[in-house]
C-alpha cells in the first residue's frame, strides 16, 4: 500500500494514521505517551510494529530501502493532510539535503 508521508526532522519516531494501521491489521505492541503539538500535545498512544519501505522505480525489490520491525506510533494524523510522518528513526538511515534557497530537498539511502 502506498501512503503519503511528511518528512519531519522534529519527530523522534515515525507515526502512522490509525485508519491505515487498522486497515493493514497492525496489532498493538505497546502503549505509552506521545507529545504531538500539532494534534494538541501529550496523548496516550498505541505503538505498532511495521515494515517501512521506499521503492525505487527502476531497481529490483531487493534494492528497495526497507526497515523491518520499525516501531511506529498510531495517531489520527489524516487531519494534517498525511497518512504518516517520517521521523528521525527512519531519517537516521538516510541522507537528507534541504536547499532552502531553491526550495528543494533530496533524500538518499
PDB file of N, CA and C in Angstrom:
ATOM      1  N   UNK A   1       0.846  -1.177   0.000  1.00  0.00           N
ATOM      2  CA  UNK A   1       0.000   0.000   0.000  1.00  0.00           C
ATOM      3  C   UNK A   1       0.889   1.237   0.000  1.00  0.00           C
ATOM      4  N   UNK A   2       0.613   2.172  -0.875  1.00  0.00           N
ATOM      5  CA  UNK A   2       1.339   3.436  -0.906  1.00  0.00           C
ATOM      6  C   UNK A   2       0.590   4.452  -0.066  1.00  0.00           C
ATOM      7  N   UNK A   3       1.347   5.215   0.717  1.00  0.00           N
ATOM      8  CA  UNK A   3       0.744   6.251   1.548  1.00  0.00           C
ATOM      9  C   UNK A   3       1.544   7.539   1.408  1.00  0.00           C
ATOM     10  N   UNK A   4       0.907   8.649   1.726  1.00  0.00           N
ATOM     11  CA  UNK A   4       1.548   9.961   1.672  1.00  0.00           C
ATOM     12  C   UNK A   4       2.119  10.283   3.045  1.00  0.00           C
ATOM     13  N   UNK A   5       3.434  10.534   3.085  1.00  0.00           N
ATOM     14  CA  UNK A   5       4.104  10.786   4.358  1.00  0.00           C
ATOM     15  C   UNK A   5       4.812  12.141   4.341  1.00  0.00           C
ATOM     16  N   UNK A   6       4.832  12.781   5.481  1.00  0.00           N
ATOM     17  CA  UNK A   6       5.549  14.037   5.699  1.00  0.00           C
ATOM     18  C   UNK A   6       6.907  13.712   6.304  1.00  0.00           C
ATOM     19  N   UNK A   7       7.979  14.263   5.754  1.00  0.00           N
ATOM     20  CA  UNK A   7       9.304  14.137   6.361  1.00  0.00           C
ATOM     21  C   UNK A   7       9.379  15.189   7.457  1.00  0.00           C
ATOM     22  N   UNK A   8       9.566  14.754   8.696  1.00  0.00           N
ATOM     23  CA  UNK A   8       9.555  15.672   9.837  1.00  0.00           C
ATOM     24  C   UNK A   8      10.803  15.453  10.683  1.00  0.00           C
ATOM     25  N   UNK A   9      11.793  16.335  10.523  1.00  0.00           N
ATOM     26  CA  UNK A   9      13.039  16.200  11.291  1.00  0.00           C
ATOM     27  C   UNK A   9      12.821  16.488  12.773  1.00  0.00           C
ATOM     28  N   UNK A  10      11.689  17.047  13.128  1.00  0.00           N
ATOM     29  CA  UNK A  10      11.382  17.310  14.527  1.00  0.00           C
ATOM     30  C   UNK A  10      10.706  16.147  15.231  1.00  0.00           C
ATOM     31  N   UNK A  11      10.283  15.133  14.459  1.00  0.00           N
ATOM     32  CA  UNK A  11       9.617  13.962  15.041  1.00  0.00           C
ATOM     33  C   UNK A  11      10.656  12.907  15.400  1.00  0.00           C
ATOM     34  N   UNK A  12      10.629  12.475  16.627  1.00  0.00           N
ATOM     35  CA  UNK A  12      11.582  11.457  17.080  1.00  0.00           C
ATOM     36  C   UNK A  12      11.277  10.097  16.473  1.00  0.00           C
ATOM     37  N   UNK A  13       9.998   9.776  16.354  1.00  0.00           N
ATOM     38  CA  UNK A  13       9.592   8.474  15.815  1.00  0.00           C
ATOM     39  C   UNK A  13       8.621   8.657  14.667  1.00  0.00           C
ATOM     40  N   UNK A  14       8.495   7.618  13.877  1.00  0.00           N
ATOM     41  CA  UNK A  14       7.573   7.604  12.752  1.00  0.00           C
ATOM     42  C   UNK A  14       6.160   7.345  13.266  1.00  0.00           C
ATOM     43  N   UNK A  15       5.208   8.032  12.651  1.00  0.00           N
ATOM     44  CA  UNK A  15       3.804   7.910  13.040  1.00  0.00           C
ATOM     45  C   UNK A  15       2.993   7.462  11.833  1.00  0.00           C
ATOM     46  N   UNK A  16       1.946   6.698  12.079  1.00  0.00           N
ATOM     47  CA  UNK A  16       1.054   6.242  11.020  1.00  0.00           C
ATOM     48  C   UNK A  16      -0.371   6.521  11.456  1.00  0.00           C
ATOM     49  N   UNK A  17      -1.203   6.922  10.494  1.00  0.00           N
ATOM     50  CA  UNK A  17      -2.585   7.222  10.838  1.00  0.00           C
ATOM     51  C   UNK A  17      -3.292   5.956  11.319  1.00  0.00           C
ATOM     52  N   UNK A  18      -4.121   6.115  12.322  1.00  0.00           N
ATOM     53  CA  UNK A  18      -4.824   4.990  12.942  1.00  0.00           C
ATOM     54  C   UNK A  18      -5.670   4.226  11.910  1.00  0.00           C
ATOM     55  N   UNK A  19      -6.314   4.924  10.974  1.00  0.00           N
ATOM     56  CA  UNK A  19      -7.155   4.234   9.984  1.00  0.00           C
ATOM     57  C   UNK A  19      -6.313   3.351   9.061  1.00  0.00           C
ATOM     58  N   UNK A  20      -5.108   3.805   8.709  1.00  0.00           N
ATOM     59  CA  UNK A  20      -4.203   3.000   7.881  1.00  0.00           C
ATOM     60  C   UNK A  20      -3.734   1.780   8.666  1.00  0.00           C
ATOM     61  N   UNK A  21      -3.377   1.996   9.926  1.00  0.00           N
ATOM     62  CA  UNK A  21      -2.928   0.899  10.781  1.00  0.00           C
ATOM     63  C   UNK A  21      -4.017  -0.158  10.927  1.00  0.00           C
ATOM     64  N   UNK A  22      -5.258   0.291  11.129  1.00  0.00           N
ATOM     65  CA  UNK A  22      -6.378  -0.649  11.255  1.00  0.00           C
ATOM     66  C   UNK A  22      -6.627  -1.382   9.946  1.00  0.00           C
ATOM     67  N   UNK A  23      -6.544  -0.666   8.832  1.00  0.00           N
ATOM     68  CA  UNK A  23      -6.764  -1.259   7.521  1.00  0.00           C
ATOM     69  C   UNK A  23      -5.740  -2.356   7.232  1.00  0.00           C
ATOM     70  N   UNK A  24      -4.515  -2.164   7.675  1.00  0.00           N
ATOM     71  CA  UNK A  24      -3.449  -3.143   7.448  1.00  0.00           C
ATOM     72  C   UNK A  24      -3.387  -4.213   8.538  1.00  0.00           C
ATOM     73  N   UNK A  25      -4.198  -4.062   9.575  1.00  0.00           N
ATOM     74  CA  UNK A  25      -4.281  -5.082  10.613  1.00  0.00           C
ATOM     75  C   UNK A  25      -3.125  -5.119  11.590  1.00  0.00           C
ATOM     76  N   UNK A  26      -2.454  -3.974  11.798  1.00  0.00           N
ATOM     77  CA  UNK A  26      -1.360  -3.938  12.768  1.00  0.00           C
ATOM     78  C   UNK A  26      -1.902  -4.147  14.177  1.00  0.00           C
ATOM     79  N   UNK A  27      -1.193  -4.940  14.949  1.00  0.00           N
ATOM     80  CA  UNK A  27      -1.587  -5.203  16.331  1.00  0.00           C
ATOM     81  C   UNK A  27      -0.766  -4.339  17.273  1.00  0.00           C
ATOM     82  N   UNK A  28      -1.363  -3.893  18.379  1.00  0.00           N
ATOM     83  CA  UNK A  28      -0.610  -3.093  19.355  1.00  0.00           C
ATOM     84  C   UNK A  28       0.583  -3.876  19.897  1.00  0.00           C
ATOM     85  N   UNK A  29       1.718  -3.187  19.975  1.00  0.00           N
ATOM     86  CA  UNK A  29       2.921  -3.792  20.538  1.00  0.00           C
ATOM     87  C   UNK A  29       3.121  -3.301  21.966  1.00  0.00           C
ATOM     88  N   UNK A  30       2.881  -2.019  22.164  1.00  0.00           N
ATOM     89  CA  UNK A  30       2.974  -1.437  23.497  1.00  0.00           C
ATOM     90  C   UNK A  30       2.175  -0.136  23.523  1.00  0.00           C
ATOM     91  N   UNK A  31       2.050   0.434  24.691  1.00  0.00           N
ATOM     92  CA  UNK A  31       1.301   1.665  24.882  1.00  0.00           C
ATOM     93  C   UNK A  31       2.188   2.672  25.605  1.00  0.00           C
ATOM     94  N   UNK A  32       1.956   3.941  25.337  1.00  0.00           N
ATOM     95  CA  UNK A  32       2.751   4.966  26.005  1.00  0.00           C
ATOM     96  C   UNK A  32       2.240   6.349  25.662  1.00  0.00           C
ATOM     97  N   UNK A  33       2.914   7.342  26.177  1.00  0.00           N
ATOM     98  CA  UNK A  33       2.506   8.716  25.892  1.00  0.00           C
ATOM     99  C   UNK A  33       3.388   9.299  24.789  1.00  0.00           C
ATOM    100  N   UNK A  34       2.779  10.191  24.012  1.00  0.00           N
ATOM    101  CA  UNK A  34       3.499  10.886  22.957  1.00  0.00           C
ATOM    102  C   UNK A  34       3.168  12.369  23.047  1.00  0.00           C
ATOM    103  N   UNK A  35       4.060  13.180  22.538  1.00  0.00           N
ATOM    104  CA  UNK A  35       3.833  14.624  22.504  1.00  0.00           C
ATOM    105  C   UNK A  35       3.806  15.064  21.046  1.00  0.00           C
ATOM    106  N   UNK A  36       2.627  15.417  20.562  1.00  0.00           N
ATOM    107  CA  UNK A  36       2.445  15.863  19.182  1.00  0.00           C
ATOM    108  C   UNK A  36       1.764  17.226  19.233  1.00  0.00           C
ATOM    109  N   UNK A  37       2.572  18.292  19.240  1.00  0.00           N
ATOM    110  CA  UNK A  37       1.998  19.630  19.367  1.00  0.00           C
ATOM    111  C   UNK A  37       0.928  19.939  18.317  1.00  0.00           C
ATOM    112  N   UNK A  38       1.100  19.451  17.087  1.00  0.00           N
ATOM    113  CA  UNK A  38       0.129  19.719  16.025  1.00  0.00           C
ATOM    114  C   UNK A  38      -1.218  19.058  16.248  1.00  0.00           C
ATOM    115  N   UNK A  39      -1.268  18.096  17.173  1.00  0.00           N
ATOM    116  CA  UNK A  39      -2.524  17.408  17.484  1.00  0.00           C
ATOM    117  C   UNK A  39      -2.980  17.679  18.912  1.00  0.00           C
ATOM    118  N   UNK A  40      -2.433  18.706  19.533  1.00  0.00           N
ATOM    119  CA  UNK A  40      -2.908  19.079  20.860  1.00  0.00           C
ATOM    120  C   UNK A  40      -1.986  18.746  22.013  1.00  0.00           C
ATOM    121  N   UNK A  41      -0.821  18.180  21.760  1.00  0.00           N
ATOM    122  CA  UNK A  41       0.135  17.948  22.835  1.00  0.00           C
ATOM    123  C   UNK A  41       0.246  16.495  23.249  1.00  0.00           C
ATOM    124  N   UNK A  42       0.366  16.270  24.554  1.00  0.00           N
ATOM    125  CA  UNK A  42       0.618  14.937  25.093  1.00  0.00           C
ATOM    126  C   UNK A  42      -0.660  14.103  25.066  1.00  0.00           C
ATOM    127  N   UNK A  43      -0.511  12.858  24.579  1.00  0.00           N
ATOM    128  CA  UNK A  43      -1.654  11.952  24.491  1.00  0.00           C
ATOM    129  C   UNK A  43      -1.192  10.522  24.717  1.00  0.00           C
ATOM    130  N   UNK A  44      -2.113   9.671  25.116  1.00  0.00           N
ATOM    131  CA  UNK A  44      -1.872   8.247  25.252  1.00  0.00           C
ATOM    132  C   UNK A  44      -1.876   7.646  23.851  1.00  0.00           C
ATOM    133  N   UNK A  45      -0.891   6.819  23.516  1.00  0.00           N
ATOM    134  CA  UNK A  45      -0.771   6.309  22.154  1.00  0.00           C
ATOM    135  C   UNK A  45      -0.499   4.815  22.118  1.00  0.00           C
ATOM    136  N   UNK A  46      -0.822   4.239  20.980  1.00  0.00           N
ATOM    137  CA  UNK A  46      -0.545   2.833  20.694  1.00  0.00           C
ATOM    138  C   UNK A  46       0.676   2.778  19.785  1.00  0.00           C
ATOM    139  N   UNK A  47       1.606   1.889  20.085  1.00  0.00           N
ATOM    140  CA  UNK A  47       2.780   1.659  19.264  1.00  0.00           C
ATOM    141  C   UNK A  47       2.588   0.341  18.523  1.00  0.00           C
ATOM    142  N   UNK A  48       2.864   0.341  17.220  1.00  0.00           N
ATOM    143  CA  UNK A  48       2.731  -0.858  16.400  1.00  0.00           C
ATOM    144  C   UNK A  48       4.055  -1.123  15.691  1.00  0.00           C
ATOM    145  N   UNK A  49       4.245  -2.365  15.296  1.00  0.00           N
ATOM    146  CA  UNK A  49       5.452  -2.732  14.560  1.00  0.00           C
ATOM    147  C   UNK A  49       5.104  -2.833  13.080  1.00  0.00           C
ATOM    148  N   UNK A  50       5.853  -2.110  12.248  1.00  0.00           N
ATOM    149  CA  UNK A  50       5.576  -2.070  10.811  1.00  0.00           C
ATOM    150  C   UNK A  50       6.842  -2.383  10.026  1.00  0.00           C
ATOM    151  N   UNK A  51       6.659  -2.675   8.748  1.00  0.00           N
ATOM    152  CA  UNK A  51       7.786  -2.737   7.826  1.00  0.00           C
ATOM    153  C   UNK A  51       7.687  -1.493   6.959  1.00  0.00           C
ATOM    154  N   UNK A  52       8.742  -0.696   6.971  1.00  0.00           N
ATOM    155  CA  UNK A  52       8.772   0.543   6.207  1.00  0.00           C
ATOM    156  C   UNK A  52       9.594   0.313   4.949  1.00  0.00           C
ATOM    157  N   UNK A  53       9.071   0.806   3.819  1.00  0.00           N
ATOM    158  CA  UNK A  53       9.790   0.584   2.572  1.00  0.00           C
ATOM    159  C   UNK A  53       9.599   1.763   1.617  1.00  0.00           C
ATOM    160  N   UNK A  54      10.696   2.194   0.994  1.00  0.00           N
ATOM    161  CA  UNK A  54      10.642   3.180  -0.087  1.00  0.00           C
ATOM    162  C   UNK A  54      11.069   2.440  -1.347  1.00  0.00           C
ATOM    163  N   UNK A  55      10.132   2.251  -2.285  1.00  0.00           N
ATOM    164  CA  UNK A  55      10.505   1.558  -3.521  1.00  0.00           C
ATOM    165  C   UNK A  55      11.294   2.463  -4.459  1.00  0.00           C
ATOM    166  N   UNK A  56      12.125   1.850  -5.260  1.00  0.00           N
ATOM    167  CA  UNK A  56      12.874   2.572  -6.291  1.00  0.00           C
ATOM    168  C   UNK A  56      12.225   2.221  -7.627  1.00  0.00           C
ATOM    169  N   UNK A  57      11.949   3.224  -8.477  1.00  0.00           N
ATOM    170  CA  UNK A  57      11.201   2.936  -9.702  1.00  0.00           C
ATOM    171  C   UNK A  57      11.901   2.023 -10.701  1.00  0.00           C
ATOM    172  N   UNK A  58      13.232   1.926 -10.652  1.00  0.00           N
ATOM    173  CA  UNK A  58      13.937   1.102 -11.643  1.00  0.00           C
ATOM    174  C   UNK A  58      14.757  -0.035 -11.039  1.00  0.00           C
ATOM    175  N   UNK A  59      14.787  -0.127  -9.742  1.00  0.00           N
ATOM    176  CA  UNK A  59      15.604  -1.163  -9.092  1.00  0.00           C
ATOM    177  C   UNK A  59      14.738  -2.364  -8.695  1.00  0.00           C
ATOM    178  N   UNK A  60      15.362  -3.527  -8.576  1.00  0.00           N
ATOM    179  CA  UNK A  60      14.610  -4.698  -8.092  1.00  0.00           C
ATOM    180  C   UNK A  60      14.266  -4.523  -6.611  1.00  0.00           C
ATOM    181  N   UNK A  61      13.278  -5.256  -6.168  1.00  0.00           N
ATOM    182  CA  UNK A  61      12.785  -5.127  -4.791  1.00  0.00           C
ATOM    183  C   UNK A  61      13.896  -5.344  -3.761  1.00  0.00           C
ATOM    184  N   UNK A  62      14.886  -6.136  -4.086  1.00  0.00           N
ATOM    185  CA  UNK A  62      15.989  -6.385  -3.145  1.00  0.00           C
ATOM    186  C   UNK A  62      16.799  -5.120  -2.860  1.00  0.00           C
ATOM    187  N   UNK A  63      16.676  -4.094  -3.711  1.00  0.00           N
ATOM    188  CA  UNK A  63      17.412  -2.850  -3.517  1.00  0.00           C
ATOM    189  C   UNK A  63      16.528  -1.714  -2.990  1.00  0.00           C
ATOM    190  N   UNK A  64      15.276  -2.008  -2.667  1.00  0.00           N
ATOM    191  CA  UNK A  64      14.413  -1.004  -2.061  1.00  0.00           C
ATOM    192  C   UNK A  64      14.943  -0.675  -0.663  1.00  0.00           C
ATOM    193  N   UNK A  65      14.717   0.550  -0.215  1.00  0.00           N
ATOM    194  CA  UNK A  65      15.084   0.943   1.147  1.00  0.00           C
ATOM    195  C   UNK A  65      14.029   0.365   2.082  1.00  0.00           C
ATOM    196  N   UNK A  66      14.435  -0.542   2.956  1.00  0.00           N
ATOM    197  CA  UNK A  66      13.498  -1.246   3.831  1.00  0.00           C
ATOM    198  C   UNK A  66      13.999  -1.241   5.262  1.00  0.00           C
ATOM    199  N   UNK A  67      13.093  -0.950   6.180  1.00  0.00           N
ATOM    200  CA  UNK A  67      13.375  -1.111   7.606  1.00  0.00           C
ATOM    201  C   UNK A  67      12.321  -2.064   8.148  1.00  0.00           C
ATOM    202  N   UNK A  68      12.756  -3.234   8.563  1.00  0.00           N
ATOM    203  CA  UNK A  68      11.836  -4.204   9.152  1.00  0.00           C
ATOM    204  C   UNK A  68      11.715  -3.928  10.642  1.00  0.00           C
ATOM    205  N   UNK A  69      10.614  -4.302  11.209  1.00  0.00           N
ATOM    206  CA  UNK A  69      10.384  -4.175  12.653  1.00  0.00           C
ATOM    207  C   UNK A  69      10.539  -2.740  13.146  1.00  0.00           C
ATOM    208  N   UNK A  70      10.008  -1.786  12.388  1.00  0.00           N
ATOM    209  CA  UNK A  70      10.030  -0.376  12.800  1.00  0.00           C
ATOM    210  C   UNK A  70       8.867  -0.125  13.747  1.00  0.00           C
ATOM    211  N   UNK A  71       9.169   0.404  14.912  1.00  0.00           N
ATOM    212  CA  UNK A  71       8.115   0.725  15.876  1.00  0.00           C
ATOM    213  C   UNK A  71       7.556   2.107  15.557  1.00  0.00           C
ATOM    214  N   UNK A  72       6.293   2.159  15.190  1.00  0.00           N
ATOM    215  CA  UNK A  72       5.631   3.409  14.815  1.00  0.00           C
ATOM    216  C   UNK A  72       4.494   3.705  15.783  1.00  0.00           C
ATOM    217  N   UNK A  73       4.138   4.972  15.872  1.00  0.00           N
ATOM    218  CA  UNK A  73       3.054   5.408  16.753  1.00  0.00           C
ATOM    219  C   UNK A  73       1.790   5.576  15.921  1.00  0.00           C
ATOM    220  N   UNK A  74       0.698   5.029  16.417  1.00  0.00           N
ATOM    221  CA  UNK A  74      -0.608   5.199  15.783  1.00  0.00           C
ATOM    222  C   UNK A  74      -1.214   6.515  16.250  1.00  0.00           C
ATOM    223  N   UNK A  75      -1.535   7.392  15.306  1.00  0.00           N
ATOM    224  CA  UNK A  75      -2.162   8.678  15.646  1.00  0.00           C
ATOM    225  C   UNK A  75      -3.217   9.017  14.601  1.00  0.00           C
ATOM    226  N   UNK A  76      -4.112   9.912  14.928  1.00  0.00           N
ATOM    227  CA  UNK A  76      -5.102  10.412  13.977  1.00  0.00           C
ATOM    228  C   UNK A  76      -4.495  11.623  13.272  1.00  0.00           C
ATOM    229  N   UNK A  77      -3.695  11.374  12.233  1.00  0.00           N
ATOM    230  CA  UNK A  77      -2.958  12.464  11.577  1.00  0.00           C
ATOM    231  C   UNK A  77      -3.482  12.825  10.200  1.00  0.00           C
ATOM    232  N   UNK A  78      -4.495  12.129   9.692  1.00  0.00           N
ATOM    233  CA  UNK A  78      -5.010  12.475   8.369  1.00  0.00           C
ATOM    234  C   UNK A  78      -5.603  13.884   8.349  1.00  0.00           C
ATOM    235  N   UNK A  79      -5.992  14.386   9.498  1.00  0.00           N
ATOM    236  CA  UNK A  79      -6.491  15.773   9.561  1.00  0.00           C
ATOM    237  C   UNK A  79      -5.386  16.770   9.214  1.00  0.00           C
ATOM    238  N   UNK A  80      -4.128  16.342   9.319  1.00  0.00           N
ATOM    239  CA  UNK A  80      -2.994  17.187   8.947  1.00  0.00           C
ATOM    240  C   UNK A  80      -2.684  17.081   7.455  1.00  0.00           C
ATOM    241  N   UNK A  81      -3.372  16.174   6.752  1.00  0.00           N
ATOM    242  CA  UNK A  81      -3.168  16.012   5.318  1.00  0.00           C
ATOM    243  C   UNK A  81      -2.201  14.910   4.921  1.00  0.00           C
ATOM    244  N   UNK A  82      -1.824  14.052   5.866  1.00  0.00           N
ATOM    245  CA  UNK A  82      -0.852  12.985   5.596  1.00  0.00           C
ATOM    246  C   UNK A  82      -1.339  11.669   6.184  1.00  0.00           C
ATOM    247  N   UNK A  83      -0.817  10.565   5.641  1.00  0.00           N
ATOM    248  CA  UNK A  83      -1.101   9.239   6.179  1.00  0.00           C
ATOM    249  C   UNK A  83      -0.058   8.812   7.199  1.00  0.00           C
ATOM    250  N   UNK A  84       1.130   9.428   7.114  1.00  0.00           N
ATOM    251  CA  UNK A  84       2.230   9.066   8.007  1.00  0.00           C
ATOM    252  C   UNK A  84       3.170  10.252   8.163  1.00  0.00           C
ATOM    253  N   UNK A  85       3.965  10.196   9.207  1.00  0.00           N
ATOM    254  CA  UNK A  85       5.021  11.171   9.458  1.00  0.00           C
ATOM    255  C   UNK A  85       6.309  10.382   9.608  1.00  0.00           C
ATOM    256  N   UNK A  86       7.297  10.688   8.759  1.00  0.00           N
ATOM    257  CA  UNK A  86       8.599  10.021   8.863  1.00  0.00           C
ATOM    258  C   UNK A  86       9.446  10.757   9.874  1.00  0.00           C
ATOM    259  N   UNK A  87       9.797  10.079  10.935  1.00  0.00           N
ATOM    260  CA  UNK A  87      10.600  10.687  11.983  1.00  0.00           C
ATOM    261  C   UNK A  87      12.080  10.379  11.841  1.00  0.00           C
ATOM    262  N   UNK A  88      12.824  10.839  12.844  1.00  0.00           N
ATOM    263  CA  UNK A  88      14.280  10.652  12.813  1.00  0.00           C
ATOM    264  C   UNK A  88      14.689   9.193  12.941  1.00  0.00           C
ATOM    265  N   UNK A  89      13.778   8.318  13.419  1.00  0.00           N
ATOM    266  CA  UNK A  89      14.113   6.896  13.469  1.00  0.00           C
ATOM    267  C   UNK A  89      14.339   6.334  12.070  1.00  0.00           C
ATOM    268  N   UNK A  90      13.618   6.840  11.062  1.00  0.00           N
ATOM    269  CA  UNK A  90      13.841   6.455   9.666  1.00  0.00           C
ATOM    270  C   UNK A  90      14.932   7.319   9.049  1.00  0.00           C
ATOM    271  N   UNK A  91      14.860   8.619   9.286  1.00  0.00           N
ATOM    272  CA  UNK A  91      15.823   9.544   8.677  1.00  0.00           C
ATOM    273  C   UNK A  91      17.258   9.278   9.107  1.00  0.00           C
ATOM    274  N   UNK A  92      17.452   8.645  10.259  1.00  0.00           N
ATOM    275  CA  UNK A  92      18.807   8.343  10.721  1.00  0.00           C
ATOM    276  C   UNK A  92      19.505   7.319   9.821  1.00  0.00           C
ATOM    277  N   UNK A  93      18.752   6.674   8.927  1.00  0.00           N
ATOM    278  CA  UNK A  93      19.314   5.718   7.971  1.00  0.00           C
ATOM    279  C   UNK A  93      19.510   6.349   6.593  1.00  0.00           C
ATOM    280  N   UNK A  94      19.279   7.666   6.496  1.00  0.00           N
ATOM    281  CA  UNK A  94      19.271   8.350   5.197  1.00  0.00           C
ATOM    282  C   UNK A  94      20.177   9.580   5.216  1.00  0.00           C
ATOM    283  N   UNK A  95      20.349  10.145   4.039  1.00  0.00           N
ATOM    284  CA  UNK A  95      20.986  11.450   3.896  1.00  0.00           C
ATOM    285  C   UNK A  95      19.901  12.384   3.373  1.00  0.00           C
ATOM    286  N   UNK A  96      19.596  13.416   4.142  1.00  0.00           N
ATOM    287  CA  UNK A  96      18.581  14.391   3.759  1.00  0.00           C
ATOM    288  C   UNK A  96      19.274  15.726   3.520  1.00  0.00           C
ATOM    289  N   UNK A  97      19.133  16.242   2.316  1.00  0.00           N
ATOM    290  CA  UNK A  97      19.713  17.545   1.978  1.00  0.00           C
ATOM    291  C   UNK A  97      18.572  18.475   1.622  1.00  0.00           C
ATOM    292  N   UNK A  98      18.475  19.581   2.342  1.00  0.00           N
ATOM    293  CA  UNK A  98      17.439  20.575   2.088  1.00  0.00           C
ATOM    294  C   UNK A  98      18.099  21.851   1.606  1.00  0.00           C
ATOM    295  N   UNK A  99      17.714  22.306   0.432  1.00  0.00           N
ATOM    296  CA  UNK A  99      18.234  23.544  -0.137  1.00  0.00           C
ATOM    297  C   UNK A  99      17.120  24.577  -0.086  1.00  0.00           C
ATOM    298  N   UNK A 100      17.125  25.354   0.984  1.00  0.00           N
ATOM    299  CA  UNK A 100      16.082  26.350   1.180  1.00  0.00           C
ATOM    300  C   UNK A 100      16.085  27.453   0.145  1.00  0.00           C
ATOM    301  N   UNK A 101      17.244  27.780  -0.402  1.00  0.00           N
ATOM    302  CA  UNK A 101      17.352  28.855  -1.392  1.00  0.00           C
ATOM    303  C   UNK A 101      16.517  28.537  -2.627  1.00  0.00           C
ATOM    304  N   UNK A 102      16.613  27.289  -3.107  1.00  0.00           N
ATOM    305  CA  UNK A 102      15.851  26.924  -4.299  1.00  0.00           C
ATOM    306  C   UNK A 102      14.582  26.154  -3.970  1.00  0.00           C
ATOM    307  N   UNK A 103      14.370  25.834  -2.692  1.00  0.00           N
ATOM    308  CA  UNK A 103      13.163  25.154  -2.263  1.00  0.00           C
ATOM    309  C   UNK A 103      13.099  23.699  -2.683  1.00  0.00           C
ATOM    310  N   UNK A 104      14.214  22.985  -2.581  1.00  0.00           N
ATOM    311  CA  UNK A 104      14.226  21.586  -2.960  1.00  0.00           C
ATOM    312  C   UNK A 104      14.871  20.740  -1.866  1.00  0.00           C
ATOM    313  N   UNK A 105      14.637  19.451  -1.926  1.00  0.00           N
ATOM    314  CA  UNK A 105      15.287  18.539  -0.997  1.00  0.00           C
ATOM    315  C   UNK A 105      15.652  17.257  -1.725  1.00  0.00           C
ATOM    316  N   UNK A 106      16.579  16.520  -1.154  1.00  0.00           N
ATOM    317  CA  UNK A 106      16.999  15.241  -1.692  1.00  0.00           C
ATOM    318  C   UNK A 106      17.105  14.268  -0.528  1.00  0.00           C
ATOM    319  N   UNK A 107      16.517  13.098  -0.697  1.00  0.00           N
ATOM    320  CA  UNK A 107      16.590  12.049   0.305  1.00  0.00           C
ATOM    321  C   UNK A 107      17.228  10.835  -0.356  1.00  0.00           C
ATOM    322  N   UNK A 108      18.361  10.413   0.179  1.00  0.00           N
ATOM    323  CA  UNK A 108      19.021   9.228  -0.371  1.00  0.00           C
ATOM    324  C   UNK A 108      19.311   8.245   0.754  1.00  0.00           C
ATOM    325  N   UNK A 109      19.566   7.016   0.366  1.00  0.00           N
ATOM    326  CA  UNK A 109      19.822   5.945   1.332  1.00  0.00           C
ATOM    327  C   UNK A 109      20.836   4.975   0.808  1.00  0.00           C
TER     328      UNK A 109
END
